[in-house]
Amino acid sequence: MTNPRGPRPTGGRPHKPGKGTGRRPSGPPRRPPTRRPPVVDEARLAALDVLAAVRSRGAYANLVLPPILRERGLFGRDAALATELAYGSCRALGQLDAIIGACGDRAFEELDGSVIDALRLGAYQLLHTRIPPHAAVSTVVELVRAGDRPGAAGYANAVLRRIAEADLDSWIDRLAPPADTDPLGHLAMATAHPRWIVGAYRDRLAPARAEQTDEQTDEQIDERMDELAEALRADDDPPVVHLVARPGRIDRDELVAQSGGVPARFSPFGVYLPSGDPGAIEAVADGRAAVQDEGSQLVAIALATADLDGADERWLDLTAGPGGKAGLLGAIGALRGARLDAVEQAQHRAELVRRTTEGLPVSVQVADGRASGLAESAYDRVLLDAPCTGLGALRRRPEARWRRRPSDVADLTQLQQELLQAAARHVRVGGLVGYVTCSPHLAETLGVVGRPPETLELVDARPFLPGVPDLGDGPTVQLWPHRQGTDGMFLALFRRTS
């Protein structure tokens, strides 16, 4: 029977320490040795630096790329290419590794890290871009020649040329489980997601065929599986930058004019910035506006505008770092005579909150939200933006899908439950608690709010997101990139009843 992964390459010279990575695959021979100095493409080198930082020290791609671009003096098209290659390679990591593994004769643990980074960069160009194959291969081989393992250039050349023999769909057909017998496994490979994340999305969007009821036809379930695929693919769509015009500090129309953006569809303070550097906008630089996803704006606005009887002067953000929601709540509160206490456990994140709320009626406390020392039964509105897996923001954090593990969920849900208990203690009777996560995972959303403190009662959150479509049956709200174009924010509103 033919090997579904294709024939395994064999032959070549044995590995010698310090002399490359070992045997090369069969197939097209390596190019003859050359003494010509390597010619390095700066945009690809910048992308390679990002991959190395993510792999070797757990860096965040979106944080390390901007300084790398500045250091290398990359702007315009070169900066755009470096960004596409770095972020795209991070998003597709597991998929790329499966294909690289099928085209080489050495396990990943036997390869030097810098060679792995180069192979990922080359495979991404070959399979996910329109860069000509010869350019994708030759530029990466030059990077390997210029790096700390120049002897691996021949191996990299052979592996990449083997990858170039087929397009992405062909590799998926060859390596992914069959869609008819293992639809989740097939989607995991096809959309470059870990299988457990595909399952988490499915649990919210597309019930398994085994769960079919008399009311659910095969066609309806197939439609929901199609939406699952759409949701997964949306994680790979580069997100538009969203700005927030902080009320009382700048009018949204003024921010639109100043930034060249367009008004957001749902948030009354939101602006979409299709291109350009948001840091170069005057209002962003001086704090009258900020970069904030529209979904993040919407959940904060919902808490601030939900019906409330009695006093409305003391607000609390129980886990405030890095400060985006605290900044918006502080601005809204300033217009209404309310003050916000913002709690953040990490000192460096608390400093970020201070910076982003400067000039607003916001007091920042460095403390654990579970034991902040603040007054109990004293706050009219409490925001709990709970630490979570972040599965709703995978499009903004390229490497996150491969960094999180299913085992993370249990510890996080325990923390979320404890923080919700604290929020219930701090809010007064009749006051509101907004429980928020940037995740659609059932355990972190409905699983937590389905077991609330006995003093809290769910309130339908949907009326406080006016104009937002596809909010479901309530009373909670789950936003999605593929439905609303926002991050995948979850919101549950509670009122303290006793």
Protein backbone atom coordinates (compact mmCIF):
# COMPACT_ATOMS: atom_id res chain seq x y z
CA MET A 1 0.00 0.00 0.00
CA THR A 2 1.24 3.45 -0.79
CA ASN A 3 2.38 5.43 2.22
CA PRO A 4 -0.19 8.25 2.67
CA ARG A 5 2.62 10.58 3.65
CA GLY A 6 4.51 9.88 0.49
CA PRO A 7 7.78 7.93 0.18
CA ARG A 8 10.18 8.55 3.04
CA PRO A 9 13.47 10.10 1.92
CA THR A 10 16.61 8.11 2.63
CA GLY A 11 20.31 8.28 2.00
CA GLY A 12 22.78 11.08 2.43
CA ARG A 13 25.71 11.54 4.73
CA PRO A 14 25.45 10.78 8.47
CA HIS A 15 25.11 13.64 10.90
CA LYS A 16 28.29 15.07 12.34
CA PRO A 17 28.16 17.48 15.25
CA GLY A 18 28.75 21.02 14.06
CA LYS A 19 28.35 19.96 10.41
CA GLY A 20 24.71 20.60 9.68
CA THR A 21 21.69 18.54 10.68
CA GLY A 22 22.34 15.10 9.23
CA ARG A 23 21.13 13.14 6.25
CA ARG A 24 19.30 15.01 3.56
CA PRO A 25 16.10 13.76 1.92
CA SER A 26 16.17 12.01 -1.40
CA GLY A 27 14.94 13.96 -4.41
CA PRO A 28 16.62 16.82 -6.23
CA PRO A 29 20.32 17.00 -5.39
CA ARG A 30 21.78 19.84 -3.44
CA ARG A 31 23.34 22.68 -5.30
CA PRO A 32 27.11 22.51 -5.62
CA PRO A 33 29.02 24.10 -2.73
CA THR A 34 29.79 27.75 -3.19
CA ARG A 35 32.18 30.15 -1.55
CA ARG A 36 30.06 33.11 -2.53
CA PRO A 37 29.05 35.09 0.57
CA PRO A 38 25.36 34.60 1.42
CA VAL A 39 22.95 37.29 0.25
CA VAL A 40 20.47 37.98 3.05
CA ASP A 41 17.00 39.41 2.49
CA GLU A 42 16.36 41.82 5.37
CA ALA A 43 12.58 41.35 5.50
CA ARG A 44 12.90 37.57 5.75
CA LEU A 45 15.70 37.91 8.29
CA ALA A 46 13.41 40.06 10.44
CA ALA A 47 10.69 37.39 10.22
CA LEU A 48 13.26 34.73 11.12
CA ASP A 49 14.31 36.75 14.17
CA VAL A 50 10.68 36.82 15.33
CA LEU A 51 10.32 33.05 14.92
CA ALA A 52 13.52 32.52 16.88
CA ALA A 53 12.32 34.76 19.72
CA VAL A 54 8.95 32.99 19.89
CA ARG A 55 10.55 29.54 19.89
CA SER A 56 13.56 30.11 22.13
CA ARG A 57 12.27 32.48 24.80
CA GLY A 58 8.50 32.34 24.60
CA ALA A 59 8.23 35.87 23.20
CA TYR A 60 5.01 37.32 21.81
CA ALA A 61 5.30 37.96 18.08
CA ASN A 62 3.24 41.16 18.15
CA LEU A 63 5.56 42.61 20.82
CA VAL A 64 8.94 41.65 19.37
CA LEU A 65 8.25 42.45 15.71
CA PRO A 66 7.93 46.28 15.94
CA PRO A 67 11.37 46.83 17.53
CA ILE A 68 12.94 44.38 15.08
CA LEU A 69 11.48 46.34 12.17
CA ARG A 70 12.81 49.59 13.63
CA GLU A 71 16.27 48.16 14.29
CA ARG A 72 16.53 46.90 10.72
CA GLY A 73 15.10 50.09 9.25
CA LEU A 74 12.26 48.28 7.46
CA PHE A 75 9.29 50.30 6.24
CA GLY A 76 6.54 50.05 3.65
CA ARG A 77 6.50 46.89 1.57
CA ASP A 78 9.50 45.33 3.34
CA ALA A 79 7.87 45.81 6.74
CA ALA A 80 4.59 44.40 5.40
CA LEU A 81 6.37 41.32 4.03
CA ALA A 82 8.21 40.72 7.30
CA THR A 83 4.94 41.05 9.22
CA GLU A 84 3.06 38.65 6.93
CA LEU A 85 5.81 36.03 7.05
CA ALA A 86 6.36 36.27 10.81
CA TYR A 87 2.71 36.27 11.86
CA GLY A 88 1.64 33.78 9.22
CA SER A 89 4.37 31.30 10.14
CA CYS A 90 3.42 31.55 13.81
CA ARG A 91 -0.26 30.95 13.07
CA ALA A 92 0.40 27.93 10.85
CA LEU A 93 3.11 26.41 13.05
CA GLY A 94 1.62 22.97 13.68
CA GLN A 95 0.50 22.55 10.09
CA LEU A 96 3.91 23.56 8.77
CA ASP A 97 5.66 21.18 11.16
CA ALA A 98 3.55 18.25 9.97
CA ILE A 99 4.47 18.95 6.34
CA ILE A 100 8.15 19.54 7.12
CA GLY A 101 8.19 16.30 9.06
CA ALA A 102 6.85 14.43 6.04
CA CYS A 103 9.59 15.85 3.83
CA GLY A 104 12.65 15.33 5.99
CA ASP A 105 14.42 12.31 7.38
CA ARG A 106 15.13 13.68 10.84
CA ALA A 107 12.85 14.26 13.82
CA PHE A 108 12.44 17.83 14.99
CA GLU A 109 14.26 17.15 18.24
CA GLU A 110 17.34 16.26 16.19
CA LEU A 111 17.34 19.58 14.31
CA ASP A 112 18.91 22.78 15.49
CA GLY A 113 16.36 25.41 16.46
CA SER A 114 17.59 27.93 13.90
CA VAL A 115 17.14 25.34 11.15
CA ILE A 116 13.59 24.62 12.31
CA ASP A 117 12.80 28.35 12.18
CA ALA A 118 14.16 28.60 8.64
CA LEU A 119 12.21 25.57 7.45
CA ARG A 120 9.00 26.98 8.91
CA LEU A 121 9.63 30.31 7.21
CA GLY A 122 10.29 28.63 3.88
CA ALA A 123 7.34 26.28 4.12
CA TYR A 124 4.99 29.15 4.88
CA GLN A 125 6.14 31.05 1.80
CA LEU A 126 5.72 27.99 -0.40
CA LEU A 127 2.28 27.00 0.87
CA HIS A 128 0.58 30.22 1.96
CA THR A 129 1.88 32.98 -0.29
CA ARG A 130 2.27 33.74 -3.99
CA ILE A 131 6.02 34.10 -3.69
CA PRO A 132 7.61 32.09 -6.54
CA PRO A 133 8.97 28.77 -5.24
CA HIS A 134 12.51 29.43 -6.43
CA ALA A 135 12.55 32.73 -4.52
CA ALA A 136 11.07 31.18 -1.39
CA VAL A 137 13.64 28.39 -1.37
CA SER A 138 16.73 30.36 -2.36
CA THR A 139 16.16 33.21 0.11
CA VAL A 140 15.73 30.82 3.03
CA VAL A 141 18.77 28.78 2.03
CA GLU A 142 20.76 32.01 2.02
CA LEU A 143 19.52 32.74 5.54
CA VAL A 144 20.70 29.32 6.69
CA ARG A 145 24.10 29.87 5.04
CA ALA A 146 24.40 33.17 6.88
CA GLY A 147 23.32 31.71 10.22
CA ASP A 148 25.01 29.66 12.91
CA ARG A 149 24.45 26.33 11.08
CA PRO A 150 25.64 27.02 7.52
CA GLY A 151 26.23 23.32 6.95
CA ALA A 152 22.48 22.75 7.11
CA ALA A 153 21.86 24.77 3.94
CA GLY A 154 21.82 21.66 1.76
CA TYR A 155 19.36 19.92 4.04
CA ALA A 156 17.07 22.96 4.10
CA ASN A 157 17.25 23.23 0.32
CA ALA A 158 16.25 19.60 -0.18
CA VAL A 159 13.37 19.69 2.33
CA LEU A 160 11.93 22.90 0.90
CA ARG A 161 12.20 21.66 -2.67
CA ARG A 162 10.31 18.56 -1.62
CA ILE A 163 7.58 20.70 -0.02
CA ALA A 164 7.32 22.72 -3.23
CA GLU A 165 6.35 19.60 -5.18
CA ALA A 166 2.71 19.98 -3.99
CA ASP A 167 0.38 22.79 -2.98
CA LEU A 168 -1.23 23.17 0.45
CA ASP A 169 -4.48 21.43 -0.43
CA SER A 170 -2.55 18.44 -1.70
CA TRP A 171 -0.50 18.21 1.49
CA ILE A 172 -3.67 18.44 3.57
CA ASP A 173 -5.28 15.65 1.54
CA ARG A 174 -2.16 13.56 2.09
CA LEU A 175 -1.57 14.20 5.79
CA ALA A 176 -4.90 15.13 7.42
CA PRO A 177 -7.35 12.53 8.74
CA PRO A 178 -10.28 11.94 6.36
CA ALA A 179 -13.03 14.52 6.79
CA ASP A 180 -15.81 11.93 6.70
CA THR A 181 -14.41 9.82 9.56
CA ASP A 182 -12.59 12.44 11.61
CA PRO A 183 -13.96 15.89 10.77
CA LEU A 184 -12.31 17.61 13.74
CA GLY A 185 -8.90 16.14 12.96
CA HIS A 186 -9.25 17.16 9.33
CA LEU A 187 -10.25 20.72 10.26
CA ALA A 188 -7.36 20.92 12.72
CA MET A 189 -4.85 20.23 9.95
CA ALA A 190 -6.66 22.22 7.28
CA THR A 191 -7.04 25.36 9.41
CA ALA A 192 -3.78 25.05 11.39
CA HIS A 193 -5.31 24.75 14.87
CA PRO A 194 -4.62 22.29 17.68
CA ARG A 195 -7.37 19.71 17.76
CA TRP A 196 -8.49 20.65 21.28
CA ILE A 197 -9.22 24.22 20.16
CA VAL A 198 -11.24 22.92 17.22
CA GLY A 199 -13.22 20.87 19.71
CA ALA A 200 -13.76 23.87 21.98
CA TYR A 201 -15.12 25.92 19.07
CA ARG A 202 -17.30 23.01 17.96
CA ASP A 203 -18.81 22.71 21.42
CA ARG A 204 -20.17 26.26 21.05
CA LEU A 205 -21.03 26.23 17.35
CA ALA A 206 -21.58 22.74 15.93
CA PRO A 207 -22.81 19.88 18.10
CA ALA A 208 -21.31 16.53 17.23
CA ARG A 209 -23.35 14.23 15.02
CA ALA A 210 -23.75 11.85 17.96
CA GLU A 211 -25.65 14.61 19.77
CA GLN A 212 -28.20 14.96 16.99
CA THR A 213 -31.82 15.21 18.14
CA ASP A 214 -35.01 14.67 16.22
CA GLU A 215 -35.20 18.43 15.66
CA GLN A 216 -31.70 18.61 14.13
CA THR A 217 -31.41 17.43 10.55
CA ASP A 218 -28.19 16.34 8.88
CA GLU A 219 -28.35 19.49 6.78
CA GLN A 220 -28.60 21.71 9.85
CA ILE A 221 -25.64 20.01 11.49
CA ASP A 222 -23.62 20.29 8.28
CA GLU A 223 -24.37 24.02 8.21
CA ARG A 224 -23.09 24.38 11.75
CA MET A 225 -19.94 22.45 10.85
CA ASP A 226 -19.49 24.86 7.96
CA GLU A 227 -19.71 27.71 10.46
CA LEU A 228 -17.11 25.99 12.61
CA ALA A 229 -14.73 25.99 9.65
CA GLU A 230 -15.55 29.66 9.02
CA ALA A 231 -14.82 30.53 12.65
CA LEU A 232 -11.47 28.74 12.55
CA ARG A 233 -10.44 30.41 9.30
CA ALA A 234 -11.36 33.81 10.74
CA ASP A 235 -8.50 33.35 13.21
CA ASP A 236 -6.12 33.71 10.25
CA ASP A 237 -7.64 36.92 8.88
CA PRO A 238 -5.40 39.88 9.78
CA PRO A 239 -7.58 42.02 12.05
CA VAL A 240 -8.29 45.66 11.32
CA VAL A 241 -7.00 47.99 14.03
CA HIS A 242 -9.85 49.27 16.20
CA LEU A 243 -9.60 52.62 17.98
CA VAL A 244 -11.72 53.99 20.80
CA ALA A 245 -12.52 57.69 21.15
CA ARG A 246 -12.66 58.20 24.90
CA PRO A 247 -15.91 60.06 25.62
CA GLY A 248 -15.42 63.51 27.04
CA ARG A 249 -11.90 63.66 25.65
CA ILE A 250 -12.43 63.47 21.91
CA ASP A 251 -15.48 63.14 19.69
CA ARG A 252 -15.59 60.10 17.46
CA ASP A 253 -16.03 62.21 14.33
CA GLU A 254 -12.92 64.15 15.27
CA LEU A 255 -10.98 60.90 15.68
CA VAL A 256 -12.25 59.71 12.29
CA ALA A 257 -11.02 62.93 10.67
CA GLN A 258 -7.69 62.82 12.46
CA SER A 259 -6.97 59.14 11.79
CA GLY A 260 -8.46 58.70 8.33
CA GLY A 261 -10.49 55.78 9.68
CA VAL A 262 -14.20 55.02 9.50
CA PRO A 263 -16.83 54.81 12.27
CA ALA A 264 -17.26 51.38 13.83
CA ARG A 265 -20.45 49.48 13.14
CA PHE A 266 -21.52 48.87 16.73
CA SER A 267 -19.54 50.84 19.30
CA PRO A 268 -20.56 54.51 19.54
CA PHE A 269 -16.94 55.32 20.36
CA GLY A 270 -15.23 52.96 17.90
CA VAL A 271 -13.22 53.72 14.77
CA TYR A 272 -11.77 51.24 12.27
CA LEU A 273 -8.26 52.08 11.07
CA PRO A 274 -7.66 50.14 7.82
CA SER A 275 -3.99 51.13 7.58
CA GLY A 276 -1.32 53.26 9.16
CA ASP A 277 0.44 53.41 12.50
CA PRO A 278 -2.05 54.14 15.31
CA GLY A 279 0.78 55.43 17.48
CA ALA A 280 1.32 58.26 15.03
CA ILE A 281 -2.21 59.61 15.59
CA GLU A 282 -2.12 62.64 17.85
CA ALA A 283 -5.18 61.64 19.89
CA VAL A 284 -3.72 58.18 20.56
CA ALA A 285 -0.34 59.64 21.49
CA ASP A 286 -1.84 62.04 24.05
CA GLY A 287 -4.37 59.56 25.54
CA ARG A 288 -7.62 61.00 24.25
CA ALA A 289 -8.02 57.84 22.17
CA ALA A 290 -6.55 54.35 22.31
CA VAL A 291 -6.23 51.10 20.44
CA GLN A 292 -9.01 48.81 21.67
CA ASP A 293 -10.91 46.00 19.97
CA GLU A 294 -14.56 46.82 19.37
CA GLY A 295 -15.66 43.74 21.29
CA SER A 296 -13.73 44.94 24.32
CA GLN A 297 -15.44 48.31 23.99
CA LEU A 298 -18.88 46.74 23.70
CA VAL A 299 -18.70 44.65 26.89
CA ALA A 300 -17.44 47.64 28.90
CA ILE A 301 -20.16 49.88 27.47
CA ALA A 302 -22.82 47.25 28.25
CA LEU A 303 -21.81 47.16 31.91
CA ALA A 304 -21.74 50.97 32.07
CA THR A 305 -25.16 51.42 30.46
CA ALA A 306 -27.12 48.53 31.98
CA ASP A 307 -30.13 49.61 34.08
CA LEU A 308 -29.26 50.31 37.69
CA ASP A 309 -31.43 51.55 40.60
CA GLY A 310 -29.97 53.82 43.23
CA ALA A 311 -26.49 55.27 43.55
CA ASP A 312 -24.14 55.01 40.59
CA GLU A 313 -20.91 56.59 41.82
CA ARG A 314 -18.45 53.83 42.70
CA TRP A 315 -17.18 51.45 40.03
CA LEU A 316 -14.60 48.68 40.25
CA ASP A 317 -12.40 46.94 37.68
CA LEU A 318 -11.21 43.87 39.56
CA THR A 319 -8.53 42.66 37.08
CA ALA A 320 -7.66 45.83 35.22
CA GLY A 321 -4.35 45.24 33.41
CA PRO A 322 -3.30 46.36 30.88
CA GLY A 323 -6.01 49.03 31.21
CA GLY A 324 -8.07 49.27 28.03
CA LYS A 325 -11.46 48.69 29.66
CA ALA A 326 -10.44 50.74 32.71
CA GLY A 327 -9.62 53.64 30.39
CA LEU A 328 -13.02 53.50 28.71
CA LEU A 329 -14.94 53.02 31.96
CA GLY A 330 -12.96 55.85 33.55
CA ALA A 331 -13.87 58.19 30.69
CA ILE A 332 -17.56 57.25 30.82
CA GLY A 333 -17.54 57.53 34.60
CA ALA A 334 -15.99 61.00 34.46
CA LEU A 335 -18.98 62.24 32.47
CA ARG A 336 -21.41 60.76 35.01
CA GLY A 337 -19.68 61.69 38.26
CA ALA A 338 -18.47 58.16 38.98
CA ARG A 339 -15.01 57.06 40.15
CA LEU A 340 -13.30 53.79 39.26
CA ASP A 341 -11.03 51.68 41.45
CA ALA A 342 -8.78 49.52 39.26
CA VAL A 343 -7.11 46.45 40.77
CA GLU A 344 -4.15 44.74 39.13
CA GLN A 345 -1.93 42.12 40.72
CA ALA A 346 1.23 42.56 38.59
CA GLN A 347 3.20 45.72 39.27
CA HIS A 348 4.23 46.29 35.63
CA ARG A 349 0.65 45.85 34.41
CA ALA A 350 -0.61 48.17 37.13
CA GLU A 351 1.79 50.79 35.78
CA LEU A 352 0.25 50.32 32.33
CA VAL A 353 -3.18 50.94 33.85
CA ARG A 354 -1.92 54.13 35.48
CA ARG A 355 -0.55 55.39 32.19
CA THR A 356 -3.65 54.65 30.16
CA THR A 357 -6.00 56.18 32.76
CA GLU A 358 -3.92 59.27 33.50
CA GLY A 359 -6.16 62.30 34.01
CA LEU A 360 -9.28 60.18 34.61
CA PRO A 361 -11.03 59.57 37.95
CA VAL A 362 -9.30 56.20 38.35
CA SER A 363 -7.36 54.91 41.36
CA VAL A 364 -5.04 51.95 40.73
CA GLN A 365 -4.41 49.35 43.43
CA VAL A 366 -1.70 46.68 43.20
CA ALA A 367 -3.39 43.64 44.70
CA ASP A 368 -4.84 40.21 44.00
CA GLY A 369 -8.46 40.70 42.97
CA ARG A 370 -9.45 37.77 45.16
CA ALA A 371 -8.21 39.60 48.27
CA SER A 372 -7.86 43.25 47.31
CA GLY A 373 -8.65 44.71 50.71
CA LEU A 374 -11.22 47.07 49.15
CA ALA A 375 -14.60 47.62 50.78
CA GLU A 376 -17.23 44.93 50.38
CA SER A 377 -20.84 45.61 49.34
CA ALA A 378 -19.70 49.08 48.29
CA TYR A 379 -19.59 49.22 44.50
CA ASP A 380 -22.40 49.97 42.10
CA ARG A 381 -20.80 48.40 39.03
CA VAL A 382 -18.02 45.79 39.03
CA LEU A 383 -16.14 44.58 35.95
CA LEU A 384 -14.44 41.21 36.12
CA ASP A 385 -12.41 40.78 32.95
CA ALA A 386 -11.14 37.39 34.05
CA PRO A 387 -7.80 35.84 33.06
CA CYS A 388 -8.55 33.18 30.43
CA THR A 389 -7.10 31.12 27.60
CA GLY A 390 -7.57 34.00 25.14
CA LEU A 391 -9.04 31.71 22.47
CA GLY A 392 -11.22 34.60 21.30
CA ALA A 393 -8.20 36.69 20.28
CA LEU A 394 -6.12 34.17 18.34
CA ARG A 395 -6.14 36.39 15.26
CA ARG A 396 -4.29 39.09 17.25
CA ARG A 397 -1.82 36.72 18.96
CA PRO A 398 -0.27 34.61 16.22
CA GLU A 399 1.54 32.05 18.37
CA ALA A 400 -1.11 31.73 21.11
CA ARG A 401 -2.95 28.75 19.65
CA TRP A 402 0.20 26.61 19.90
CA ARG A 403 1.25 27.91 23.32
CA ARG A 404 -1.93 27.16 25.25
CA ARG A 405 -2.66 23.62 26.47
CA PRO A 406 -5.95 21.92 27.44
CA SER A 407 -4.51 21.50 30.92
CA ASP A 408 -4.53 25.30 31.32
CA VAL A 409 -8.32 25.38 31.43
CA ALA A 410 -8.84 23.76 34.84
CA ASP A 411 -6.56 26.18 36.69
CA LEU A 412 -8.10 29.16 34.89
CA THR A 413 -11.69 28.17 35.63
CA GLN A 414 -10.82 27.75 39.30
CA LEU A 415 -9.35 31.26 39.31
CA GLN A 416 -12.37 32.62 37.43
CA GLN A 417 -14.76 31.15 40.00
CA GLU A 418 -12.76 32.63 42.86
CA LEU A 419 -12.67 36.07 41.23
CA LEU A 420 -16.42 35.95 40.58
CA GLN A 421 -16.95 35.20 44.27
CA ALA A 422 -14.85 38.27 45.10
CA ALA A 423 -16.81 40.43 42.65
CA ALA A 424 -20.03 39.30 44.31
CA ARG A 425 -18.69 40.41 47.69
CA HIS A 426 -17.66 43.86 46.45
CA VAL A 427 -20.90 44.81 44.63
CA ARG A 428 -23.76 46.28 46.63
CA VAL A 429 -27.25 44.80 46.69
CA GLY A 430 -28.92 45.92 43.48
CA GLY A 431 -25.57 46.58 41.83
CA LEU A 432 -24.20 44.93 38.69
CA VAL A 433 -21.29 42.60 37.93
CA GLY A 434 -20.02 42.11 34.39
CA TYR A 435 -18.18 38.80 33.95
CA VAL A 436 -16.04 38.93 30.80
CA THR A 437 -13.60 36.58 29.10
CA CYS A 438 -11.93 36.74 25.72
CA SER A 439 -12.75 33.11 25.08
CA PRO A 440 -15.64 31.02 23.76
CA HIS A 441 -14.54 27.93 25.71
CA LEU A 442 -17.57 26.45 27.46
CA ALA A 443 -15.71 25.84 30.72
CA GLU A 444 -14.60 29.49 30.94
CA THR A 445 -17.94 30.96 29.96
CA LEU A 446 -21.21 29.11 30.56
CA GLY A 447 -19.45 26.69 32.87
CA VAL A 448 -18.44 29.49 35.24
CA VAL A 449 -21.61 31.59 35.08
CA GLY A 450 -23.76 28.47 35.35
CA ARG A 451 -22.53 28.13 38.94
CA PRO A 452 -22.60 31.72 40.20
CA PRO A 453 -22.46 32.88 43.80
CA GLU A 454 -25.93 32.52 45.30
CA THR A 455 -26.20 36.29 45.77
CA LEU A 456 -26.00 36.95 42.00
CA GLU A 457 -28.76 36.64 39.42
CA LEU A 458 -28.20 36.70 35.65
CA VAL A 459 -29.52 39.69 33.69
CA ASP A 460 -30.13 39.56 29.94
CA ALA A 461 -27.10 41.35 28.47
CA ARG A 462 -28.38 41.57 24.87
CA PRO A 463 -30.41 44.81 25.19
CA PHE A 464 -27.22 46.63 26.18
CA LEU A 465 -25.47 45.79 22.92
CA PRO A 466 -27.95 47.55 20.60
CA GLY A 467 -27.59 46.92 16.90
CA VAL A 468 -25.22 43.98 17.32
CA PRO A 469 -26.52 40.98 15.31
CA ASP A 470 -26.42 37.24 16.02
CA LEU A 471 -26.41 37.46 19.80
CA GLY A 472 -28.29 34.21 20.26
CA ASP A 473 -30.89 33.32 22.85
CA GLY A 474 -29.27 35.06 25.83
CA PRO A 475 -29.07 35.95 28.59
CA THR A 476 -25.30 35.85 28.03
CA VAL A 477 -23.53 37.13 24.92
CA GLN A 478 -20.76 35.52 22.89
CA LEU A 479 -19.12 37.64 20.17
CA TRP A 480 -17.13 36.07 17.32
CA PRO A 481 -14.65 37.36 14.73
CA HIS A 482 -16.55 35.67 11.89
CA ARG A 483 -19.97 36.95 13.04
CA GLN A 484 -19.42 40.45 14.38
CA GLY A 485 -15.84 41.16 13.29
CA THR A 486 -14.73 41.59 16.90
CA ASP A 487 -12.58 39.49 19.18
CA GLY A 488 -14.43 36.57 20.72
CA MET A 489 -15.60 38.33 23.89
CA PHE A 490 -18.04 36.67 26.29
CA LEU A 491 -20.26 38.74 28.60
CA ALA A 492 -22.54 37.75 31.45
CA LEU A 493 -24.31 40.46 33.47
CA PHE A 494 -25.34 39.74 37.07
CA ARG A 495 -27.35 41.73 39.59
CA ARG A 496 -26.78 41.19 43.28
CA THR A 497 -30.10 40.31 44.83
CA SER A 498 -29.20 39.68 48.48
